[in-house]
């Protein structure tokens, strides 16, 4: 399994989404975190299975939430640069690469 690093910007994305979902309904934030963990495990298992969308960044979609995990796949390391809602301005994550 390839080691994975979550950049601070991506950690903040995840925390913000967790807070928002948890404010909507108790426990929904936890379901979001579970979906993120499952997605990250799938990325670690098959990092090249997901499409490159721009600047070498790959996108893995969460199954139950309208979010994507955006990451760079290096030979010995995966770098998560963002966890983004599908309607958010992509220029924000592009500035992180």
PDB file of N, CA and C in Angstrom:
ATOM      1  N   UNK A   1       0.850  -1.176   0.000  1.00  0.00           N
ATOM      2  CA  UNK A   1       0.000   0.000   0.000  1.00  0.00           C
ATOM      3  C   UNK A   1       0.896   1.240   0.000  1.00  0.00           C
ATOM      4  N   UNK A   2       0.623   2.161  -0.890  1.00  0.00           N
ATOM      5  CA  UNK A   2       1.423   3.373  -1.020  1.00  0.00           C
ATOM      6  C   UNK A   2       1.136   4.326   0.140  1.00  0.00           C
ATOM      7  N   UNK A   3       2.176   4.872   0.778  1.00  0.00           N
ATOM      8  CA  UNK A   3       1.961   5.852   1.846  1.00  0.00           C
ATOM      9  C   UNK A   3       1.202   7.065   1.322  1.00  0.00           C
ATOM     10  N   UNK A   4       0.404   7.661   2.198  1.00  0.00           N
ATOM     11  CA  UNK A   4      -0.445   8.785   1.815  1.00  0.00           C
ATOM     12  C   UNK A   4      -0.241   9.933   2.791  1.00  0.00           C
ATOM     13  N   UNK A   5      -0.103  11.145   2.256  1.00  0.00           N
ATOM     14  CA  UNK A   5       0.020  12.350   3.061  1.00  0.00           C
ATOM     15  C   UNK A   5      -1.139  13.268   2.696  1.00  0.00           C
ATOM     16  N   UNK A   6      -1.820  13.789   3.707  1.00  0.00           N
ATOM     17  CA  UNK A   6      -2.908  14.737   3.480  1.00  0.00           C
ATOM     18  C   UNK A   6      -2.368  16.127   3.785  1.00  0.00           C
ATOM     19  N   UNK A   7      -2.317  16.963   2.756  1.00  0.00           N
ATOM     20  CA  UNK A   7      -1.812  18.329   2.910  1.00  0.00           C
ATOM     21  C   UNK A   7      -2.736  19.139   3.833  1.00  0.00           C
ATOM     22  N   UNK A   8      -2.204  20.173   4.494  1.00  0.00           N
ATOM     23  CA  UNK A   8      -3.023  20.977   5.408  1.00  0.00           C
ATOM     24  C   UNK A   8      -4.286  21.561   4.763  1.00  0.00           C
ATOM     25  N   UNK A   9      -4.200  21.990   3.520  1.00  0.00           N
ATOM     26  CA  UNK A   9      -5.388  22.529   2.850  1.00  0.00           C
ATOM     27  C   UNK A   9      -6.483  21.490   2.710  1.00  0.00           C
ATOM     28  N   UNK A  10      -6.092  20.259   2.409  1.00  0.00           N
ATOM     29  CA  UNK A  10      -7.059  19.167   2.294  1.00  0.00           C
ATOM     30  C   UNK A  10      -7.642  18.822   3.658  1.00  0.00           C
ATOM     31  N   UNK A  11      -6.811  18.849   4.689  1.00  0.00           N
ATOM     32  CA  UNK A  11      -7.308  18.604   6.049  1.00  0.00           C
ATOM     33  C   UNK A  11      -8.360  19.636   6.425  1.00  0.00           C
ATOM     34  N   UNK A  12      -8.115  20.894   6.060  1.00  0.00           N
ATOM     35  CA  UNK A  12      -9.072  21.961   6.340  1.00  0.00           C
ATOM     36  C   UNK A  12     -10.365  21.749   5.542  1.00  0.00           C
ATOM     37  N   UNK A  13     -10.242  21.332   4.283  1.00  0.00           N
ATOM     38  CA  UNK A  13     -11.434  21.032   3.472  1.00  0.00           C
ATOM     39  C   UNK A  13     -12.301  19.984   4.172  1.00  0.00           C
ATOM     40  N   UNK A  14     -11.656  18.922   4.637  1.00  0.00           N
ATOM     41  CA  UNK A  14     -12.374  17.820   5.278  1.00  0.00           C
ATOM     42  C   UNK A  14     -13.018  18.289   6.580  1.00  0.00           C
ATOM     43  N   UNK A  15     -12.283  19.047   7.372  1.00  0.00           N
ATOM     44  CA  UNK A  15     -12.816  19.548   8.645  1.00  0.00           C
ATOM     45  C   UNK A  15     -14.007  20.477   8.420  1.00  0.00           C
ATOM     46  N   UNK A  16     -13.903  21.359   7.427  1.00  0.00           N
ATOM     47  CA  UNK A  16     -15.006  22.281   7.133  1.00  0.00           C
ATOM     48  C   UNK A  16     -16.256  21.524   6.685  1.00  0.00           C
ATOM     49  N   UNK A  17     -16.072  20.532   5.823  1.00  0.00           N
ATOM     50  CA  UNK A  17     -17.209  19.743   5.350  1.00  0.00           C
ATOM     51  C   UNK A  17     -17.820  18.954   6.506  1.00  0.00           C
ATOM     52  N   UNK A  18     -16.964  18.381   7.347  1.00  0.00           N
ATOM     53  CA  UNK A  18     -17.455  17.663   8.524  1.00  0.00           C
ATOM     54  C   UNK A  18     -18.329  18.578   9.370  1.00  0.00           C
ATOM     55  N   UNK A  19     -17.832  19.771   9.673  1.00  0.00           N
ATOM     56  CA  UNK A  19     -18.584  20.725  10.500  1.00  0.00           C
ATOM     57  C   UNK A  19     -19.928  21.066   9.868  1.00  0.00           C
ATOM     58  N   UNK A  20     -19.919  21.302   8.565  1.00  0.00           N
ATOM     59  CA  UNK A  20     -21.156  21.671   7.873  1.00  0.00           C
ATOM     60  C   UNK A  20     -22.169  20.525   7.937  1.00  0.00           C
ATOM     61  N   UNK A  21     -21.721  19.318   7.614  1.00  0.00           N
ATOM     62  CA  UNK A  21     -22.637  18.173   7.641  1.00  0.00           C
ATOM     63  C   UNK A  21     -23.128  17.885   9.062  1.00  0.00           C
ATOM     64  N   UNK A  22     -22.268  18.006  10.026  1.00  0.00           N
ATOM     65  CA  UNK A  22     -22.660  17.735  11.409  1.00  0.00           C
ATOM     66  C   UNK A  22     -23.680  18.774  11.882  1.00  0.00           C
ATOM     67  N   UNK A  23     -23.557  20.023  11.403  1.00  0.00           N
ATOM     68  CA  UNK A  23     -24.526  21.063  11.758  1.00  0.00           C
ATOM     69  C   UNK A  23     -25.890  20.798  11.114  1.00  0.00           C
ATOM     70  N   UNK A  24     -25.881  20.104   9.991  1.00  0.00           N
ATOM     71  CA  UNK A  24     -27.140  19.784   9.307  1.00  0.00           C
ATOM     72  C   UNK A  24     -27.910  18.700  10.059  1.00  0.00           C
ATOM     73  N   UNK A  25     -27.172  17.685  10.515  1.00  0.00           N
ATOM     74  CA  UNK A  25     -27.790  16.575  11.245  1.00  0.00           C
ATOM     75  C   UNK A  25     -26.703  15.841  12.029  1.00  0.00           C
ATOM     76  N   UNK A  26     -26.964  15.611  13.282  1.00  0.00           N
ATOM     77  CA  UNK A  26     -25.998  14.903  14.131  1.00  0.00           C
ATOM     78  C   UNK A  26     -25.679  13.545  13.523  1.00  0.00           C
ATOM     79  N   UNK A  27     -24.400  13.249  13.405  1.00  0.00           N
ATOM     80  CA  UNK A  27     -23.948  11.978  12.854  1.00  0.00           C
ATOM     81  C   UNK A  27     -23.630  12.023  11.379  1.00  0.00           C
ATOM     82  N   UNK A  28     -24.146  13.026  10.669  1.00  0.00           N
ATOM     83  CA  UNK A  28     -23.888  13.118   9.227  1.00  0.00           C
ATOM     84  C   UNK A  28     -22.427  13.458   8.947  1.00  0.00           C
ATOM     85  N   UNK A  29     -21.830  14.242   9.811  1.00  0.00           N
ATOM     86  CA  UNK A  29     -20.405  14.551   9.672  1.00  0.00           C
ATOM     87  C   UNK A  29     -19.561  13.296   9.801  1.00  0.00           C
ATOM     88  N   UNK A  30     -19.939  12.424  10.722  1.00  0.00           N
ATOM     89  CA  UNK A  30     -19.216  11.159  10.887  1.00  0.00           C
ATOM     90  C   UNK A  30     -19.364  10.280   9.647  1.00  0.00           C
ATOM     91  N   UNK A  31     -20.545  10.283   9.046  1.00  0.00           N
ATOM     92  CA  UNK A  31     -20.747   9.521   7.805  1.00  0.00           C
ATOM     93  C   UNK A  31     -19.858  10.085   6.695  1.00  0.00           C
ATOM     94  N   UNK A  32     -19.716  11.406   6.655  1.00  0.00           N
ATOM     95  CA  UNK A  32     -18.838  12.028   5.675  1.00  0.00           C
ATOM     96  C   UNK A  32     -17.392  11.565   5.886  1.00  0.00           C
ATOM     97  N   UNK A  33     -16.925  11.593   7.138  1.00  0.00           N
ATOM     98  CA  UNK A  33     -15.551  11.164   7.431  1.00  0.00           C
ATOM     99  C   UNK A  33     -15.339   9.704   7.050  1.00  0.00           C
ATOM    100  N   UNK A  34     -16.325   8.867   7.268  1.00  0.00           N
ATOM    101  CA  UNK A  34     -16.225   7.464   6.875  1.00  0.00           C
ATOM    102  C   UNK A  34     -16.086   7.348   5.366  1.00  0.00           C
ATOM    103  N   UNK A  35     -16.871   8.136   4.627  1.00  0.00           N
ATOM    104  CA  UNK A  35     -16.783   8.117   3.163  1.00  0.00           C
ATOM    105  C   UNK A  35     -15.412   8.580   2.689  1.00  0.00           C
ATOM    106  N   UNK A  36     -14.846   9.581   3.344  1.00  0.00           N
ATOM    107  CA  UNK A  36     -13.508  10.066   2.989  1.00  0.00           C
ATOM    108  C   UNK A  36     -12.476   8.977   3.265  1.00  0.00           C
ATOM    109  N   UNK A  37     -12.551   8.341   4.425  1.00  0.00           N
ATOM    110  CA  UNK A  37     -11.602   7.267   4.767  1.00  0.00           C
ATOM    111  C   UNK A  37     -11.668   6.127   3.755  1.00  0.00           C
ATOM    112  N   UNK A  38     -12.882   5.732   3.392  1.00  0.00           N
ATOM    113  CA  UNK A  38     -13.046   4.651   2.414  1.00  0.00           C
ATOM    114  C   UNK A  38     -12.433   5.037   1.073  1.00  0.00           C
ATOM    115  N   UNK A  39     -12.659   6.275   0.659  1.00  0.00           N
ATOM    116  CA  UNK A  39     -12.105   6.756  -0.606  1.00  0.00           C
ATOM    117  C   UNK A  39     -10.574   6.755  -0.551  1.00  0.00           C
ATOM    118  N   UNK A  40     -10.012   7.219   0.549  1.00  0.00           N
ATOM    119  CA  UNK A  40      -8.554   7.257   0.682  1.00  0.00           C
ATOM    120  C   UNK A  40      -7.960   5.851   0.664  1.00  0.00           C
ATOM    121  N   UNK A  41      -8.654   4.898   1.267  1.00  0.00           N
ATOM    122  CA  UNK A  41      -8.178   3.512   1.240  1.00  0.00           C
ATOM    123  C   UNK A  41      -8.186   2.967  -0.189  1.00  0.00           C
ATOM    124  N   UNK A  42      -9.240   3.291  -0.942  1.00  0.00           N
ATOM    125  CA  UNK A  42      -9.309   2.848  -2.334  1.00  0.00           C
ATOM    126  C   UNK A  42      -8.199   3.476  -3.166  1.00  0.00           C
ATOM    127  N   UNK A  43      -7.920   4.745  -2.912  1.00  0.00           N
ATOM    128  CA  UNK A  43      -6.840   5.437  -3.618  1.00  0.00           C
ATOM    129  C   UNK A  43      -5.507   4.767  -3.290  1.00  0.00           C
ATOM    130  N   UNK A  44      -5.281   4.433  -2.031  1.00  0.00           N
ATOM    131  CA  UNK A  44      -4.028   3.779  -1.645  1.00  0.00           C
ATOM    132  C   UNK A  44      -3.898   2.404  -2.292  1.00  0.00           C
ATOM    133  N   UNK A  45      -5.012   1.694  -2.404  1.00  0.00           N
ATOM    134  CA  UNK A  45      -4.979   0.353  -3.001  1.00  0.00           C
ATOM    135  C   UNK A  45      -4.715   0.399  -4.504  1.00  0.00           C
ATOM    136  N   UNK A  46      -5.276   1.404  -5.180  1.00  0.00           N
ATOM    137  CA  UNK A  46      -5.155   1.501  -6.648  1.00  0.00           C
ATOM    138  C   UNK A  46      -4.979   2.950  -7.071  1.00  0.00           C
ATOM    139  N   UNK A  47      -3.832   3.537  -6.783  1.00  0.00           N
ATOM    140  CA  UNK A  47      -3.660   4.975  -7.027  1.00  0.00           C
ATOM    141  C   UNK A  47      -3.756   5.381  -8.494  1.00  0.00           C
ATOM    142  N   UNK A  48      -3.435   4.502  -9.413  1.00  0.00           N
ATOM    143  CA  UNK A  48      -3.467   4.876 -10.830  1.00  0.00           C
ATOM    144  C   UNK A  48      -4.808   4.563 -11.489  1.00  0.00           C
ATOM    145  N   UNK A  49      -5.762   4.081 -10.725  1.00  0.00           N
ATOM    146  CA  UNK A  49      -7.070   3.719 -11.273  1.00  0.00           C
ATOM    147  C   UNK A  49      -7.961   4.933 -11.539  1.00  0.00           C
ATOM    148  N   UNK A  50      -7.605   6.069 -10.987  1.00  0.00           N
ATOM    149  CA  UNK A  50      -8.447   7.257 -11.097  1.00  0.00           C
ATOM    150  C   UNK A  50      -7.891   8.200 -12.159  1.00  0.00           C
ATOM    151  N   UNK A  51      -8.782   8.931 -12.823  1.00  0.00           N
ATOM    152  CA  UNK A  51      -8.347   9.761 -13.943  1.00  0.00           C
ATOM    153  C   UNK A  51      -7.538  10.989 -13.527  1.00  0.00           C
ATOM    154  N   UNK A  52      -6.602  11.345 -14.385  1.00  0.00           N
ATOM    155  CA  UNK A  52      -5.880  12.608 -14.233  1.00  0.00           C
ATOM    156  C   UNK A  52      -6.795  13.688 -14.792  1.00  0.00           C
ATOM    157  N   UNK A  53      -7.024  14.733 -14.009  1.00  0.00           N
ATOM    158  CA  UNK A  53      -7.929  15.779 -14.487  1.00  0.00           C
ATOM    159  C   UNK A  53      -7.197  17.041 -14.931  1.00  0.00           C
ATOM    160  N   UNK A  54      -6.083  17.343 -14.265  1.00  0.00           N
ATOM    161  CA  UNK A  54      -5.314  18.528 -14.653  1.00  0.00           C
ATOM    162  C   UNK A  54      -4.027  18.594 -13.836  1.00  0.00           C
ATOM    163  N   UNK A  55      -2.950  19.060 -14.450  1.00  0.00           N
ATOM    164  CA  UNK A  55      -1.661  19.261 -13.764  1.00  0.00           C
ATOM    165  C   UNK A  55      -1.178  17.998 -13.047  1.00  0.00           C
ATOM    166  N   UNK A  56      -1.509  16.825 -13.558  1.00  0.00           N
ATOM    167  CA  UNK A  56      -1.098  15.574 -12.936  1.00  0.00           C
ATOM    168  C   UNK A  56      -1.932  15.167 -11.730  1.00  0.00           C
ATOM    169  N   UNK A  57      -2.950  15.944 -11.418  1.00  0.00           N
ATOM    170  CA  UNK A  57      -3.820  15.667 -10.273  1.00  0.00           C
ATOM    171  C   UNK A  57      -4.883  14.656 -10.684  1.00  0.00           C
ATOM    172  N   UNK A  58      -5.057  13.650  -9.846  1.00  0.00           N
ATOM    173  CA  UNK A  58      -6.080  12.627 -10.065  1.00  0.00           C
ATOM    174  C   UNK A  58      -7.277  12.905  -9.169  1.00  0.00           C
ATOM    175  N   UNK A  59      -8.438  12.414  -9.624  1.00  0.00           N
ATOM    176  CA  UNK A  59      -9.683  12.659  -8.880  1.00  0.00           C
ATOM    177  C   UNK A  59     -10.384  11.347  -8.574  1.00  0.00           C
ATOM    178  N   UNK A  60     -10.677  11.147  -7.293  1.00  0.00           N
ATOM    179  CA  UNK A  60     -11.475  10.006  -6.838  1.00  0.00           C
ATOM    180  C   UNK A  60     -12.744  10.570  -6.208  1.00  0.00           C
ATOM    181  N   UNK A  61     -13.885  10.085  -6.665  1.00  0.00           N
ATOM    182  CA  UNK A  61     -15.168  10.589  -6.166  1.00  0.00           C
ATOM    183  C   UNK A  61     -15.605   9.825  -4.920  1.00  0.00           C
ATOM    184  N   UNK A  62     -16.124  10.563  -3.943  1.00  0.00           N
ATOM    185  CA  UNK A  62     -16.747   9.918  -2.797  1.00  0.00           C
ATOM    186  C   UNK A  62     -18.065   9.314  -3.270  1.00  0.00           C
ATOM    187  N   UNK A  63     -18.448   8.218  -2.686  1.00  0.00           N
ATOM    188  CA  UNK A  63     -19.645   7.512  -3.162  1.00  0.00           C
ATOM    189  C   UNK A  63     -20.948   8.149  -2.716  1.00  0.00           C
ATOM    190  N   UNK A  64     -21.011   8.667  -1.508  1.00  0.00           N
ATOM    191  CA  UNK A  64     -22.292   9.128  -0.982  1.00  0.00           C
ATOM    192  C   UNK A  64     -22.372  10.630  -0.734  1.00  0.00           C
ATOM    193  N   UNK A  65     -21.349  11.343  -1.081  1.00  0.00           N
ATOM    194  CA  UNK A  65     -21.330  12.794  -0.906  1.00  0.00           C
ATOM    195  C   UNK A  65     -20.787  13.416  -2.186  1.00  0.00           C
ATOM    196  N   UNK A  66     -21.199  14.647  -2.505  1.00  0.00           N
ATOM    197  CA  UNK A  66     -20.758  15.284  -3.757  1.00  0.00           C
ATOM    198  C   UNK A  66     -19.359  15.892  -3.658  1.00  0.00           C
ATOM    199  N   UNK A  67     -18.403  15.104  -3.205  1.00  0.00           N
ATOM    200  CA  UNK A  67     -17.031  15.541  -3.006  1.00  0.00           C
ATOM    201  C   UNK A  67     -16.069  14.670  -3.786  1.00  0.00           C
ATOM    202  N   UNK A  68     -14.912  15.243  -4.084  1.00  0.00           N
ATOM    203  CA  UNK A  68     -13.821  14.524  -4.734  1.00  0.00           C
ATOM    204  C   UNK A  68     -12.575  14.641  -3.882  1.00  0.00           C
ATOM    205  N   UNK A  69     -11.789  13.579  -3.871  1.00  0.00           N
ATOM    206  CA  UNK A  69     -10.461  13.623  -3.284  1.00  0.00           C
ATOM    207  C   UNK A  69      -9.503  13.842  -4.443  1.00  0.00           C
ATOM    208  N   UNK A  70      -8.724  14.898  -4.365  1.00  0.00           N
ATOM    209  CA  UNK A  70      -7.780  15.259  -5.421  1.00  0.00           C
ATOM    210  C   UNK A  70      -6.372  15.007  -4.907  1.00  0.00           C
ATOM    211  N   UNK A  71      -5.596  14.263  -5.683  1.00  0.00           N
ATOM    212  CA  UNK A  71      -4.281  13.846  -5.194  1.00  0.00           C
ATOM    213  C   UNK A  71      -3.273  13.715  -6.319  1.00  0.00           C
ATOM    214  N   UNK A  72      -2.023  13.771  -5.928  1.00  0.00           N
ATOM    215  CA  UNK A  72      -0.896  13.527  -6.825  1.00  0.00           C
ATOM    216  C   UNK A  72      -0.337  12.146  -6.503  1.00  0.00           C
ATOM    217  N   UNK A  73      -0.110  11.354  -7.518  1.00  0.00           N
ATOM    218  CA  UNK A  73       0.439  10.008  -7.326  1.00  0.00           C
ATOM    219  C   UNK A  73       1.901  10.011  -7.724  1.00  0.00           C
ATOM    220  N   UNK A  74       2.766   9.935  -6.739  1.00  0.00           N
ATOM    221  CA  UNK A  74       4.196   9.812  -6.959  1.00  0.00           C
ATOM    222  C   UNK A  74       4.548   8.335  -6.843  1.00  0.00           C
ATOM    223  N   UNK A  75       5.685   7.916  -7.355  1.00  0.00           N
ATOM    224  CA  UNK A  75       6.029   6.481  -7.284  1.00  0.00           C
ATOM    225  C   UNK A  75       6.025   5.903  -5.866  1.00  0.00           C
ATOM    226  N   UNK A  76       6.415   6.707  -4.886  1.00  0.00           N
ATOM    227  CA  UNK A  76       6.515   6.194  -3.527  1.00  0.00           C
ATOM    228  C   UNK A  76       5.634   6.926  -2.520  1.00  0.00           C
ATOM    229  N   UNK A  77       4.747   7.824  -3.005  1.00  0.00           N
ATOM    230  CA  UNK A  77       3.947   8.642  -2.099  1.00  0.00           C
ATOM    231  C   UNK A  77       2.712   9.185  -2.808  1.00  0.00           C
ATOM    232  N   UNK A  78       1.597   9.226  -2.090  1.00  0.00           N
ATOM    233  CA  UNK A  78       0.379   9.877  -2.576  1.00  0.00           C
ATOM    234  C   UNK A  78       0.179  11.144  -1.763  1.00  0.00           C
ATOM    235  N   UNK A  79      -0.086  12.247  -2.453  1.00  0.00           N
ATOM    236  CA  UNK A  79      -0.242  13.538  -1.784  1.00  0.00           C
ATOM    237  C   UNK A  79      -1.645  14.052  -2.058  1.00  0.00           C
ATOM    238  N   UNK A  80      -2.474  14.094  -1.016  1.00  0.00           N
ATOM    239  CA  UNK A  80      -3.842  14.606  -1.144  1.00  0.00           C
ATOM    240  C   UNK A  80      -3.773  16.121  -1.035  1.00  0.00           C
ATOM    241  N   UNK A  81      -4.196  16.805  -2.109  1.00  0.00           N
ATOM    242  CA  UNK A  81      -4.110  18.266  -2.127  1.00  0.00           C
ATOM    243  C   UNK A  81      -5.439  18.930  -1.807  1.00  0.00           C
ATOM    244  N   UNK A  82      -6.557  18.190  -1.952  1.00  0.00           N
ATOM    245  CA  UNK A  82      -7.854  18.792  -1.683  1.00  0.00           C
ATOM    246  C   UNK A  82      -8.926  17.722  -1.518  1.00  0.00           C
ATOM    247  N   UNK A  83      -9.980  18.107  -0.825  1.00  0.00           N
ATOM    248  CA  UNK A  83     -11.213  17.334  -0.757  1.00  0.00           C
ATOM    249  C   UNK A  83     -12.296  18.354  -1.057  1.00  0.00           C
ATOM    250  N   UNK A  84     -12.776  18.331  -2.295  1.00  0.00           N
ATOM    251  CA  UNK A  84     -13.580  19.434  -2.803  1.00  0.00           C
ATOM    252  C   UNK A  84     -14.996  19.051  -3.165  1.00  0.00           C
ATOM    253  N   UNK A  85     -15.928  19.939  -2.838  1.00  0.00           N
ATOM    254  CA  UNK A  85     -17.314  19.807  -3.275  1.00  0.00           C
ATOM    255  C   UNK A  85     -17.356  20.025  -4.781  1.00  0.00           C
ATOM    256  N   UNK A  86     -18.209  19.293  -5.455  1.00  0.00           N
ATOM    257  CA  UNK A  86     -18.291  19.357  -6.909  1.00  0.00           C
ATOM    258  C   UNK A  86     -18.668  20.713  -7.476  1.00  0.00           C
ATOM    259  N   UNK A  87     -19.275  21.567  -6.674  1.00  0.00           N
ATOM    260  CA  UNK A  87     -19.684  22.886  -7.174  1.00  0.00           C
ATOM    261  C   UNK A  87     -18.748  24.013  -6.748  1.00  0.00           C
ATOM    262  N   UNK A  88     -17.689  23.670  -6.083  1.00  0.00           N
ATOM    263  CA  UNK A  88     -16.743  24.694  -5.636  1.00  0.00           C
ATOM    264  C   UNK A  88     -15.825  25.114  -6.774  1.00  0.00           C
ATOM    265  N   UNK A  89     -15.333  26.314  -6.724  1.00  0.00           N
ATOM    266  CA  UNK A  89     -14.458  26.857  -7.763  1.00  0.00           C
ATOM    267  C   UNK A  89     -13.147  26.063  -7.812  1.00  0.00           C
ATOM    268  N   UNK A  90     -12.867  25.384  -8.924  1.00  0.00           N
ATOM    269  CA  UNK A  90     -11.655  24.564  -9.010  1.00  0.00           C
ATOM    270  C   UNK A  90     -10.356  25.364  -8.970  1.00  0.00           C
ATOM    271  N   UNK A  91     -10.425  26.649  -9.215  1.00  0.00           N
ATOM    272  CA  UNK A  91      -9.206  27.460  -9.144  1.00  0.00           C
ATOM    273  C   UNK A  91      -8.588  27.456  -7.746  1.00  0.00           C
ATOM    274  N   UNK A  92      -9.408  27.188  -6.735  1.00  0.00           N
ATOM    275  CA  UNK A  92      -8.898  27.152  -5.370  1.00  0.00           C
ATOM    276  C   UNK A  92      -7.912  25.987  -5.213  1.00  0.00           C
ATOM    277  N   UNK A  93      -8.313  24.776  -5.627  1.00  0.00           N
ATOM    278  CA  UNK A  93      -7.380  23.650  -5.477  1.00  0.00           C
ATOM    279  C   UNK A  93      -6.227  23.730  -6.476  1.00  0.00           C
ATOM    280  N   UNK A  94      -6.470  24.332  -7.626  1.00  0.00           N
ATOM    281  CA  UNK A  94      -5.379  24.449  -8.608  1.00  0.00           C
ATOM    282  C   UNK A  94      -4.240  25.292  -8.052  1.00  0.00           C
ATOM    283  N   UNK A  95      -4.560  26.244  -7.205  1.00  0.00           N
ATOM    284  CA  UNK A  95      -3.542  27.066  -6.569  1.00  0.00           C
ATOM    285  C   UNK A  95      -2.688  26.306  -5.568  1.00  0.00           C
ATOM    286  N   UNK A  96      -3.117  25.123  -5.193  1.00  0.00           N
ATOM    287  CA  UNK A  96      -2.371  24.298  -4.231  1.00  0.00           C
ATOM    288  C   UNK A  96      -1.343  23.397  -4.889  1.00  0.00           C
ATOM    289  N   UNK A  97      -1.448  23.228  -6.192  1.00  0.00           N
ATOM    290  CA  UNK A  97      -0.560  22.292  -6.890  1.00  0.00           C
ATOM    291  C   UNK A  97       0.697  23.003  -7.333  1.00  0.00           C
TER     292      UNK A  97
END
